[in-house]
């Protein structure tokens, strides 16, 4: 019987504290980078990966939720 190699463990993802997120957002807003500030908020608070956030359309935005159906890839 052939054994499978042990599964590689990925390091735990450390969340960025909200205080640091708000500092980043404030700097972006101060520089007039509204879209970047919005993207930082979506990534940080909704927990989306960049590919998922970039695939969002207005129809995916609900009252208090986001519908994540796909992610963009390099080929998209």
PDB file of N, CA and C in Angstrom:
ATOM      1  N   UNK A   1       0.842  -1.185   0.000  1.00  0.00           N
ATOM      2  CA  UNK A   1       0.000   0.000   0.000  1.00  0.00           C
ATOM      3  C   UNK A   1       0.888   1.250   0.000  1.00  0.00           C
ATOM      4  N   UNK A   2       0.585   2.167  -0.874  1.00  0.00           N
ATOM      5  CA  UNK A   2       1.356   3.396  -0.985  1.00  0.00           C
ATOM      6  C   UNK A   2       0.746   4.463  -0.082  1.00  0.00           C
ATOM      7  N   UNK A   3       1.591   5.106   0.688  1.00  0.00           N
ATOM      8  CA  UNK A   3       1.110   6.176   1.571  1.00  0.00           C
ATOM      9  C   UNK A   3       1.148   7.521   0.866  1.00  0.00           C
ATOM     10  N   UNK A   4       0.181   8.340   1.205  1.00  0.00           N
ATOM     11  CA  UNK A   4       0.153   9.692   0.677  1.00  0.00           C
ATOM     12  C   UNK A   4       1.186  10.537   1.429  1.00  0.00           C
ATOM     13  N   UNK A   5       1.793  11.496   0.733  1.00  0.00           N
ATOM     14  CA  UNK A   5       2.703  12.391   1.448  1.00  0.00           C
ATOM     15  C   UNK A   5       1.906  13.243   2.434  1.00  0.00           C
ATOM     16  N   UNK A   6       2.522  13.661   3.533  1.00  0.00           N
ATOM     17  CA  UNK A   6       1.784  14.481   4.504  1.00  0.00           C
ATOM     18  C   UNK A   6       1.332  15.800   3.875  1.00  0.00           C
ATOM     19  N   UNK A   7       0.163  16.224   4.269  1.00  0.00           N
ATOM     20  CA  UNK A   7      -0.407  17.469   3.752  1.00  0.00           C
ATOM     21  C   UNK A   7       0.389  18.656   4.299  1.00  0.00           C
ATOM     22  N   UNK A   8       0.737  19.571   3.398  1.00  0.00           N
ATOM     23  CA  UNK A   8       1.467  20.764   3.807  1.00  0.00           C
ATOM     24  C   UNK A   8       0.521  21.708   4.546  1.00  0.00           C
ATOM     25  N   UNK A   9       0.917  22.144   5.718  1.00  0.00           N
ATOM     26  CA  UNK A   9       0.114  23.099   6.478  1.00  0.00           C
ATOM     27  C   UNK A   9       0.467  24.508   6.044  1.00  0.00           C
ATOM     28  N   UNK A  10      -0.546  25.301   5.842  1.00  0.00           N
ATOM     29  CA  UNK A  10      -0.333  26.702   5.495  1.00  0.00           C
ATOM     30  C   UNK A  10      -0.292  27.516   6.783  1.00  0.00           C
ATOM     31  N   UNK A  11       0.518  28.550   6.805  1.00  0.00           N
ATOM     32  CA  UNK A  11       0.541  29.383   8.010  1.00  0.00           C
ATOM     33  C   UNK A  11      -0.809  30.086   8.188  1.00  0.00           C
ATOM     34  N   UNK A  12      -1.175  30.301   9.423  1.00  0.00           N
ATOM     35  CA  UNK A  12      -2.440  30.977   9.720  1.00  0.00           C
ATOM     36  C   UNK A  12      -2.404  32.405   9.176  1.00  0.00           C
ATOM     37  N   UNK A  13      -3.542  32.860   8.700  1.00  0.00           N
ATOM     38  CA  UNK A  13      -3.657  34.226   8.202  1.00  0.00           C
ATOM     39  C   UNK A  13      -3.934  35.141   9.389  1.00  0.00           C
ATOM     40  N   UNK A  14      -3.110  36.148   9.547  1.00  0.00           N
ATOM     41  CA  UNK A  14      -3.302  37.103  10.640  1.00  0.00           C
ATOM     42  C   UNK A  14      -4.118  38.283  10.121  1.00  0.00           C
ATOM     43  N   UNK A  15      -5.235  38.526  10.760  1.00  0.00           N
ATOM     44  CA  UNK A  15      -6.096  39.650  10.356  1.00  0.00           C
ATOM     45  C   UNK A  15      -5.435  40.972  10.736  1.00  0.00           C
ATOM     46  N   UNK A  16      -5.613  41.952   9.887  1.00  0.00           N
ATOM     47  CA  UNK A  16      -5.105  43.296  10.182  1.00  0.00           C
ATOM     48  C   UNK A  16      -6.100  43.967  11.119  1.00  0.00           C
ATOM     49  N   UNK A  17      -5.625  44.546  12.212  1.00  0.00           N
ATOM     50  CA  UNK A  17      -6.546  45.194  13.164  1.00  0.00           C
ATOM     51  C   UNK A  17      -7.332  46.334  12.492  1.00  0.00           C
ATOM     52  N   UNK A  18      -8.603  46.509  12.877  1.00  0.00           N
ATOM     53  CA  UNK A  18      -9.424  47.578  12.282  1.00  0.00           C
ATOM     54  C   UNK A  18      -8.785  48.963  12.387  1.00  0.00           C
ATOM     55  N   UNK A  19      -8.067  49.221  13.442  1.00  0.00           N
ATOM     56  CA  UNK A  19      -7.425  50.532  13.598  1.00  0.00           C
ATOM     57  C   UNK A  19      -6.441  50.794  12.456  1.00  0.00           C
ATOM     58  N   UNK A  20      -5.683  49.771  12.071  1.00  0.00           N
ATOM     59  CA  UNK A  20      -4.716  49.921  10.986  1.00  0.00           C
ATOM     60  C   UNK A  20      -5.441  50.077   9.649  1.00  0.00           C
ATOM     61  N   UNK A  21      -6.531  49.351   9.467  1.00  0.00           N
ATOM     62  CA  UNK A  21      -7.332  49.483   8.244  1.00  0.00           C
ATOM     63  C   UNK A  21      -7.829  50.916   8.105  1.00  0.00           C
ATOM     64  N   UNK A  22      -8.321  51.469   9.195  1.00  0.00           N
ATOM     65  CA  UNK A  22      -8.857  52.829   9.145  1.00  0.00           C
ATOM     66  C   UNK A  22      -7.770  53.859   8.870  1.00  0.00           C
ATOM     67  N   UNK A  23      -6.557  53.628   9.348  1.00  0.00           N
ATOM     68  CA  UNK A  23      -5.441  54.525   9.032  1.00  0.00           C
ATOM     69  C   UNK A  23      -5.148  54.480   7.538  1.00  0.00           C
ATOM     70  N   UNK A  24      -5.117  53.268   6.973  1.00  0.00           N
ATOM     71  CA  UNK A  24      -4.878  53.130   5.535  1.00  0.00           C
ATOM     72  C   UNK A  24      -5.977  53.818   4.730  1.00  0.00           C
ATOM     73  N   UNK A  25      -7.230  53.598   5.134  1.00  0.00           N
ATOM     74  CA  UNK A  25      -8.356  54.224   4.423  1.00  0.00           C
ATOM     75  C   UNK A  25      -8.266  55.742   4.496  1.00  0.00           C
ATOM     76  N   UNK A  26      -7.945  56.262   5.690  1.00  0.00           N
ATOM     77  CA  UNK A  26      -7.855  57.716   5.864  1.00  0.00           C
ATOM     78  C   UNK A  26      -6.779  58.312   4.959  1.00  0.00           C
ATOM     79  N   UNK A  27      -5.638  57.651   4.860  1.00  0.00           N
ATOM     80  CA  UNK A  27      -4.570  58.142   3.984  1.00  0.00           C
ATOM     81  C   UNK A  27      -5.013  58.140   2.522  1.00  0.00           C
ATOM     82  N   UNK A  28      -5.687  57.081   2.111  1.00  0.00           N
ATOM     83  CA  UNK A  28      -6.164  57.012   0.732  1.00  0.00           C
ATOM     84  C   UNK A  28      -7.212  58.086   0.456  1.00  0.00           C
ATOM     85  N   UNK A  29      -8.138  58.278   1.384  1.00  0.00           N
ATOM     86  CA  UNK A  29      -9.173  59.303   1.210  1.00  0.00           C
ATOM     87  C   UNK A  29      -8.560  60.696   1.174  1.00  0.00           C
ATOM     88  N   UNK A  30      -7.570  60.916   2.027  1.00  0.00           N
ATOM     89  CA  UNK A  30      -6.878  62.199   2.078  1.00  0.00           C
ATOM     90  C   UNK A  30      -6.227  62.523   0.729  1.00  0.00           C
ATOM     91  N   UNK A  31      -5.782  61.496   0.030  1.00  0.00           N
ATOM     92  CA  UNK A  31      -5.130  61.667  -1.270  1.00  0.00           C
ATOM     93  C   UNK A  31      -6.114  61.598  -2.430  1.00  0.00           C
ATOM     94  N   UNK A  32      -7.412  61.535  -2.119  1.00  0.00           N
ATOM     95  CA  UNK A  32      -8.429  61.509  -3.161  1.00  0.00           C
ATOM     96  C   UNK A  32      -8.564  60.175  -3.878  1.00  0.00           C
ATOM     97  N   UNK A  33      -8.057  59.125  -3.286  1.00  0.00           N
ATOM     98  CA  UNK A  33      -8.098  57.795  -3.911  1.00  0.00           C
ATOM     99  C   UNK A  33      -9.296  57.022  -3.363  1.00  0.00           C
ATOM    100  N   UNK A  34     -10.482  57.462  -3.753  1.00  0.00           N
ATOM    101  CA  UNK A  34     -11.730  56.909  -3.224  1.00  0.00           C
ATOM    102  C   UNK A  34     -11.906  55.436  -3.581  1.00  0.00           C
ATOM    103  N   UNK A  35     -11.602  55.071  -4.809  1.00  0.00           N
ATOM    104  CA  UNK A  35     -11.759  53.672  -5.227  1.00  0.00           C
ATOM    105  C   UNK A  35     -10.828  52.757  -4.442  1.00  0.00           C
ATOM    106  N   UNK A  36      -9.595  53.210  -4.239  1.00  0.00           N
ATOM    107  CA  UNK A  36      -8.647  52.401  -3.472  1.00  0.00           C
ATOM    108  C   UNK A  36      -9.109  52.239  -2.034  1.00  0.00           C
ATOM    109  N   UNK A  37      -9.658  53.308  -1.453  1.00  0.00           N
ATOM    110  CA  UNK A  37     -10.171  53.240  -0.082  1.00  0.00           C
ATOM    111  C   UNK A  37     -11.335  52.261   0.007  1.00  0.00           C
ATOM    112  N   UNK A  38     -12.198  52.270  -0.995  1.00  0.00           N
ATOM    113  CA  UNK A  38     -13.323  51.331  -1.008  1.00  0.00           C
ATOM    114  C   UNK A  38     -12.832  49.896  -1.144  1.00  0.00           C
ATOM    115  N   UNK A  39     -11.839  49.676  -1.991  1.00  0.00           N
ATOM    116  CA  UNK A  39     -11.294  48.334  -2.176  1.00  0.00           C
ATOM    117  C   UNK A  39     -10.645  47.824  -0.895  1.00  0.00           C
ATOM    118  N   UNK A  40      -9.916  48.674  -0.198  1.00  0.00           N
ATOM    119  CA  UNK A  40      -9.317  48.286   1.084  1.00  0.00           C
ATOM    120  C   UNK A  40     -10.409  47.867   2.059  1.00  0.00           C
ATOM    121  N   UNK A  41     -11.502  48.609   2.096  1.00  0.00           N
ATOM    122  CA  UNK A  41     -12.617  48.272   2.996  1.00  0.00           C
ATOM    123  C   UNK A  41     -13.217  46.916   2.660  1.00  0.00           C
ATOM    124  N   UNK A  42     -13.443  46.665   1.386  1.00  0.00           N
ATOM    125  CA  UNK A  42     -14.039  45.390   0.971  1.00  0.00           C
ATOM    126  C   UNK A  42     -13.105  44.224   1.300  1.00  0.00           C
ATOM    127  N   UNK A  43     -11.840  44.399   0.993  1.00  0.00           N
ATOM    128  CA  UNK A  43     -10.876  43.332   1.276  1.00  0.00           C
ATOM    129  C   UNK A  43     -10.785  43.063   2.776  1.00  0.00           C
ATOM    130  N   UNK A  44     -10.702  44.112   3.565  1.00  0.00           N
ATOM    131  CA  UNK A  44     -10.483  43.952   5.002  1.00  0.00           C
ATOM    132  C   UNK A  44     -11.727  43.503   5.752  1.00  0.00           C
ATOM    133  N   UNK A  45     -12.852  44.132   5.480  1.00  0.00           N
ATOM    134  CA  UNK A  45     -14.039  43.882   6.298  1.00  0.00           C
ATOM    135  C   UNK A  45     -14.932  42.767   5.768  1.00  0.00           C
ATOM    136  N   UNK A  46     -14.911  42.528   4.465  1.00  0.00           N
ATOM    137  CA  UNK A  46     -15.723  41.443   3.919  1.00  0.00           C
ATOM    138  C   UNK A  46     -14.904  40.165   3.770  1.00  0.00           C
ATOM    139  N   UNK A  47     -13.596  40.276   3.896  1.00  0.00           N
ATOM    140  CA  UNK A  47     -12.745  39.104   3.835  1.00  0.00           C
ATOM    141  C   UNK A  47     -12.566  38.534   2.440  1.00  0.00           C
ATOM    142  N   UNK A  48     -12.760  39.357   1.425  1.00  0.00           N
ATOM    143  CA  UNK A  48     -12.608  38.875   0.061  1.00  0.00           C
ATOM    144  C   UNK A  48     -11.147  38.839  -0.344  1.00  0.00           C
ATOM    145  N   UNK A  49     -10.837  37.919  -1.236  1.00  0.00           N
ATOM    146  CA  UNK A  49      -9.522  37.897  -1.876  1.00  0.00           C
ATOM    147  C   UNK A  49      -9.558  38.965  -2.971  1.00  0.00           C
ATOM    148  N   UNK A  50      -8.383  39.493  -3.350  1.00  0.00           N
ATOM    149  CA  UNK A  50      -8.376  40.539  -4.390  1.00  0.00           C
ATOM    150  C   UNK A  50      -9.101  40.122  -5.670  1.00  0.00           C
ATOM    151  N   UNK A  51      -8.928  38.861  -6.114  1.00  0.00           N
ATOM    152  CA  UNK A  51      -9.567  38.399  -7.341  1.00  0.00           C
ATOM    153  C   UNK A  51     -11.090  38.413  -7.217  1.00  0.00           C
ATOM    154  N   UNK A  52     -11.599  38.120  -6.012  1.00  0.00           N
ATOM    155  CA  UNK A  52     -13.046  38.139  -5.790  1.00  0.00           C
ATOM    156  C   UNK A  52     -13.572  39.567  -5.769  1.00  0.00           C
ATOM    157  N   UNK A  53     -12.857  40.458  -5.113  1.00  0.00           N
ATOM    158  CA  UNK A  53     -13.292  41.859  -5.033  1.00  0.00           C
ATOM    159  C   UNK A  53     -13.311  42.500  -6.416  1.00  0.00           C
ATOM    160  N   UNK A  54     -12.308  42.208  -7.231  1.00  0.00           N
ATOM    161  CA  UNK A  54     -12.244  42.810  -8.567  1.00  0.00           C
ATOM    162  C   UNK A  54     -13.310  42.262  -9.507  1.00  0.00           C
ATOM    163  N   UNK A  55     -13.878  41.110  -9.201  1.00  0.00           N
ATOM    164  CA  UNK A  55     -14.938  40.531 -10.036  1.00  0.00           C
ATOM    165  C   UNK A  55     -16.329  41.026  -9.637  1.00  0.00           C
ATOM    166  N   UNK A  56     -16.427  41.772  -8.541  1.00  0.00           N
ATOM    167  CA  UNK A  56     -17.743  42.258  -8.096  1.00  0.00           C
ATOM    168  C   UNK A  56     -18.343  43.246  -9.081  1.00  0.00           C
ATOM    169  N   UNK A  57     -19.654  43.181  -9.205  1.00  0.00           N
ATOM    170  CA  UNK A  57     -20.429  44.149  -9.997  1.00  0.00           C
ATOM    171  C   UNK A  57     -21.515  44.694  -9.081  1.00  0.00           C
ATOM    172  N   UNK A  58     -22.138  45.790  -9.486  1.00  0.00           N
ATOM    173  CA  UNK A  58     -23.165  46.403  -8.636  1.00  0.00           C
ATOM    174  C   UNK A  58     -24.291  45.423  -8.318  1.00  0.00           C
ATOM    175  N   UNK A  59     -24.592  44.525  -9.225  1.00  0.00           N
ATOM    176  CA  UNK A  59     -25.676  43.573  -8.971  1.00  0.00           C
ATOM    177  C   UNK A  59     -25.333  42.608  -7.837  1.00  0.00           C
ATOM    178  N   UNK A  60     -24.069  42.514  -7.476  1.00  0.00           N
ATOM    179  CA  UNK A  60     -23.646  41.644  -6.379  1.00  0.00           C
ATOM    180  C   UNK A  60     -23.793  42.311  -5.011  1.00  0.00           C
ATOM    181  N   UNK A  61     -24.024  43.606  -5.001  1.00  0.00           N
ATOM    182  CA  UNK A  61     -24.142  44.349  -3.734  1.00  0.00           C
ATOM    183  C   UNK A  61     -25.586  44.299  -3.267  1.00  0.00           C
ATOM    184  N   UNK A  62     -25.786  43.730  -2.097  1.00  0.00           N
ATOM    185  CA  UNK A  62     -27.115  43.606  -1.506  1.00  0.00           C
ATOM    186  C   UNK A  62     -27.218  44.563  -0.331  1.00  0.00           C
ATOM    187  N   UNK A  63     -28.330  44.572   0.357  1.00  0.00           N
ATOM    188  CA  UNK A  63     -28.523  45.484   1.490  1.00  0.00           C
ATOM    189  C   UNK A  63     -27.415  45.398   2.530  1.00  0.00           C
ATOM    190  N   UNK A  64     -27.133  44.189   2.995  1.00  0.00           N
ATOM    191  CA  UNK A  64     -26.095  44.008   4.004  1.00  0.00           C
ATOM    192  C   UNK A  64     -25.126  42.880   3.658  1.00  0.00           C
ATOM    193  N   UNK A  65     -25.169  42.446   2.411  1.00  0.00           N
ATOM    194  CA  UNK A  65     -24.318  41.337   1.992  1.00  0.00           C
ATOM    195  C   UNK A  65     -23.742  41.577   0.603  1.00  0.00           C
ATOM    196  N   UNK A  66     -22.729  40.790   0.275  1.00  0.00           N
ATOM    197  CA  UNK A  66     -22.168  40.760  -1.067  1.00  0.00           C
ATOM    198  C   UNK A  66     -22.333  39.346  -1.605  1.00  0.00           C
ATOM    199  N   UNK A  67     -22.700  39.243  -2.854  1.00  0.00           N
ATOM    200  CA  UNK A  67     -22.803  37.944  -3.502  1.00  0.00           C
ATOM    201  C   UNK A  67     -21.502  37.716  -4.266  1.00  0.00           C
ATOM    202  N   UNK A  68     -20.721  36.755  -3.812  1.00  0.00           N
ATOM    203  CA  UNK A  68     -19.442  36.449  -4.449  1.00  0.00           C
ATOM    204  C   UNK A  68     -19.642  35.206  -5.297  1.00  0.00           C
ATOM    205  N   UNK A  69     -19.695  35.404  -6.615  1.00  0.00           N
ATOM    206  CA  UNK A  69     -19.960  34.304  -7.545  1.00  0.00           C
ATOM    207  C   UNK A  69     -18.712  33.803  -8.250  1.00  0.00           C
ATOM    208  N   UNK A  70     -17.718  34.677  -8.383  1.00  0.00           N
ATOM    209  CA  UNK A  70     -16.545  34.289  -9.146  1.00  0.00           C
ATOM    210  C   UNK A  70     -15.353  35.131  -8.709  1.00  0.00           C
ATOM    211  N   UNK A  71     -14.225  34.805  -9.270  1.00  0.00           N
ATOM    212  CA  UNK A  71     -12.998  35.557  -9.055  1.00  0.00           C
ATOM    213  C   UNK A  71     -12.324  35.765 -10.401  1.00  0.00           C
ATOM    214  N   UNK A  72     -11.704  36.896 -10.578  1.00  0.00           N
ATOM    215  CA  UNK A  72     -10.968  37.147 -11.812  1.00  0.00           C
ATOM    216  C   UNK A  72      -9.659  36.377 -11.769  1.00  0.00           C
ATOM    217  N   UNK A  73      -9.227  35.930 -12.913  1.00  0.00           N
ATOM    218  CA  UNK A  73      -7.930  35.273 -13.014  1.00  0.00           C
ATOM    219  C   UNK A  73      -7.094  36.066 -14.002  1.00  0.00           C
ATOM    220  N   UNK A  74      -5.852  35.710 -14.127  1.00  0.00           N
ATOM    221  CA  UNK A  74      -4.972  36.398 -15.066  1.00  0.00           C
ATOM    222  C   UNK A  74      -5.504  36.297 -16.490  1.00  0.00           C
ATOM    223  N   UNK A  75      -6.249  35.237 -16.769  1.00  0.00           N
ATOM    224  CA  UNK A  75      -6.801  35.033 -18.114  1.00  0.00           C
ATOM    225  C   UNK A  75      -8.122  35.772 -18.330  1.00  0.00           C
ATOM    226  N   UNK A  76      -8.743  36.284 -17.242  1.00  0.00           N
ATOM    227  CA  UNK A  76     -10.070  36.929 -17.364  1.00  0.00           C
ATOM    228  C   UNK A  76      -9.987  38.281 -18.021  1.00  0.00           C
TER     229      UNK A  76
END
